[in-house]
């Protein structure tokens, strides 16, 4: 009899834990339309910054020296930005 009571109590606690975790997760992942819009704006800004190459650079062929200089610049240490 006590074994059945123990199993029922354990099952009730596990179910309660699952429900609690489900609600916490649902509230954590619930985003407002403003949050979604801001995330889309940031993604668009990141895409624009990642693809920042001028039309002149795209249309003129690179010579070996400028291609080598670009590889050296991109392979070097990151430049430090000044704080304002």
C-alpha atoms as a PDB file:
ATOM      1  CA  UNK A   1       0.000   0.000   0.000  1.00  0.00           C
ATOM      2  CA  UNK A   2       2.763   2.451   0.888  1.00  0.00           C
ATOM      3  CA  UNK A   3       4.571   1.518  -2.323  1.00  0.00           C
ATOM      4  CA  UNK A   4       1.532   2.602  -4.386  1.00  0.00           C
ATOM      5  CA  UNK A   5       1.269   5.818  -2.405  1.00  0.00           C
ATOM      6  CA  UNK A   6       4.982   6.494  -2.961  1.00  0.00           C
ATOM      7  CA  UNK A   7       4.656   5.830  -6.721  1.00  0.00           C
ATOM      8  CA  UNK A   8       1.578   8.054  -6.984  1.00  0.00           C
ATOM      9  CA  UNK A   9       3.340  10.862  -5.104  1.00  0.00           C
ATOM     10  CA  UNK A  10       6.446  10.501  -7.279  1.00  0.00           C
ATOM     11  CA  UNK A  11       4.351  10.540 -10.459  1.00  0.00           C
ATOM     12  CA  UNK A  12       2.491  13.647  -9.276  1.00  0.00           C
ATOM     13  CA  UNK A  13       5.785  15.414  -8.517  1.00  0.00           C
ATOM     14  CA  UNK A  14       7.219  14.508 -11.919  1.00  0.00           C
ATOM     15  CA  UNK A  15       4.098  15.713 -13.698  1.00  0.00           C
ATOM     16  CA  UNK A  16       4.198  18.945 -11.684  1.00  0.00           C
ATOM     17  CA  UNK A  17       7.855  19.432 -12.582  1.00  0.00           C
ATOM     18  CA  UNK A  18       7.143  18.898 -16.276  1.00  0.00           C
ATOM     19  CA  UNK A  19       4.245  21.390 -16.185  1.00  0.00           C
ATOM     20  CA  UNK A  20       6.417  23.945 -14.351  1.00  0.00           C
ATOM     21  CA  UNK A  21       9.255  23.572 -16.843  1.00  0.00           C
ATOM     22  CA  UNK A  22       6.813  23.815 -19.745  1.00  0.00           C
ATOM     23  CA  UNK A  23       5.392  27.106 -18.437  1.00  0.00           C
ATOM     24  CA  UNK A  24       8.822  28.568 -17.752  1.00  0.00           C
ATOM     25  CA  UNK A  25       9.978  27.618 -21.248  1.00  0.00           C
ATOM     26  CA  UNK A  26       6.807  29.011 -22.833  1.00  0.00           C
ATOM     27  CA  UNK A  27       7.233  32.348 -21.058  1.00  0.00           C
ATOM     28  CA  UNK A  28      10.935  32.447 -21.967  1.00  0.00           C
ATOM     29  CA  UNK A  29      10.355  31.835 -25.666  1.00  0.00           C
ATOM     30  CA  UNK A  30       7.287  34.050 -25.986  1.00  0.00           C
ATOM     31  CA  UNK A  31       8.326  37.157 -27.907  1.00  0.00           C
ATOM     32  CA  UNK A  32       6.312  40.251 -28.641  1.00  0.00           C
ATOM     33  CA  UNK A  33       5.865  41.572 -32.185  1.00  0.00           C
ATOM     34  CA  UNK A  34       8.179  44.470 -31.276  1.00  0.00           C
ATOM     35  CA  UNK A  35      10.919  42.015 -30.310  1.00  0.00           C
ATOM     36  CA  UNK A  36      10.447  40.128 -33.573  1.00  0.00           C
ATOM     37  CA  UNK A  37      10.614  43.359 -35.587  1.00  0.00           C
ATOM     38  CA  UNK A  38      13.769  44.457 -33.768  1.00  0.00           C
ATOM     39  CA  UNK A  39      15.386  41.082 -34.419  1.00  0.00           C
ATOM     40  CA  UNK A  40      14.562  41.351 -38.132  1.00  0.00           C
ATOM     41  CA  UNK A  41      16.009  44.889 -38.235  1.00  0.00           C
ATOM     42  CA  UNK A  42      19.226  43.697 -36.602  1.00  0.00           C
ATOM     43  CA  UNK A  43      19.491  40.785 -39.028  1.00  0.00           C
ATOM     44  CA  UNK A  44      19.011  43.138 -41.986  1.00  0.00           C
ATOM     45  CA  UNK A  45      21.660  45.489 -40.575  1.00  0.00           C
ATOM     46  CA  UNK A  46      24.095  42.597 -40.136  1.00  0.00           C
ATOM     47  CA  UNK A  47      23.470  41.451 -43.711  1.00  0.00           C
ATOM     48  CA  UNK A  48      24.015  44.968 -45.029  1.00  0.00           C
ATOM     49  CA  UNK A  49      27.271  45.335 -43.117  1.00  0.00           C
ATOM     50  CA  UNK A  50      28.510  41.885 -44.158  1.00  0.00           C
ATOM     51  CA  UNK A  51      27.942  42.649 -47.845  1.00  0.00           C
ATOM     52  CA  UNK A  52      29.465  46.121 -47.872  1.00  0.00           C
ATOM     53  CA  UNK A  53      31.387  46.070 -51.149  1.00  0.00           C
ATOM     54  CA  UNK A  54      31.108  48.937 -53.615  1.00  0.00           C
ATOM     55  CA  UNK A  55      30.108  48.450 -57.241  1.00  0.00           C
ATOM     56  CA  UNK A  56      33.475  49.805 -58.363  1.00  0.00           C
ATOM     57  CA  UNK A  57      35.291  47.110 -56.425  1.00  0.00           C
ATOM     58  CA  UNK A  58      33.061  44.454 -57.938  1.00  0.00           C
ATOM     59  CA  UNK A  59      33.421  45.599 -61.544  1.00  0.00           C
ATOM     60  CA  UNK A  60      37.191  46.175 -61.729  1.00  0.00           C
ATOM     61  CA  UNK A  61      39.357  43.064 -61.805  1.00  0.00           C
ATOM     62  CA  UNK A  62      41.940  42.729 -59.070  1.00  0.00           C
ATOM     63  CA  UNK A  63      45.583  42.588 -59.903  1.00  0.00           C
ATOM     64  CA  UNK A  64      47.874  40.276 -57.976  1.00  0.00           C
ATOM     65  CA  UNK A  65      49.285  43.013 -55.741  1.00  0.00           C
ATOM     66  CA  UNK A  66      45.919  44.337 -54.564  1.00  0.00           C
ATOM     67  CA  UNK A  67      44.594  40.794 -54.045  1.00  0.00           C
ATOM     68  CA  UNK A  68      47.652  39.991 -51.932  1.00  0.00           C
ATOM     69  CA  UNK A  69      47.235  43.223 -49.944  1.00  0.00           C
ATOM     70  CA  UNK A  70      43.581  42.355 -49.230  1.00  0.00           C
ATOM     71  CA  UNK A  71      44.570  38.893 -47.999  1.00  0.00           C
ATOM     72  CA  UNK A  72      47.259  40.370 -45.754  1.00  0.00           C
ATOM     73  CA  UNK A  73      44.851  42.944 -44.291  1.00  0.00           C
ATOM     74  CA  UNK A  74      42.134  40.395 -43.586  1.00  0.00           C
ATOM     75  CA  UNK A  75      44.553  37.878 -42.141  1.00  0.00           C
ATOM     76  CA  UNK A  76      46.161  40.317 -39.736  1.00  0.00           C
ATOM     77  CA  UNK A  77      45.162  41.024 -36.170  1.00  0.00           C
ATOM     78  CA  UNK A  78      41.847  42.815 -35.707  1.00  0.00           C
ATOM     79  CA  UNK A  79      42.101  46.561 -35.497  1.00  0.00           C
ATOM     80  CA  UNK A  80      41.186  48.116 -32.188  1.00  0.00           C
ATOM     81  CA  UNK A  81      38.406  50.653 -32.163  1.00  0.00           C
ATOM     82  CA  UNK A  82      38.602  53.737 -30.042  1.00  0.00           C
ATOM     83  CA  UNK A  83      35.967  54.276 -27.425  1.00  0.00           C
ATOM     84  CA  UNK A  84      34.282  57.610 -27.391  1.00  0.00           C
END
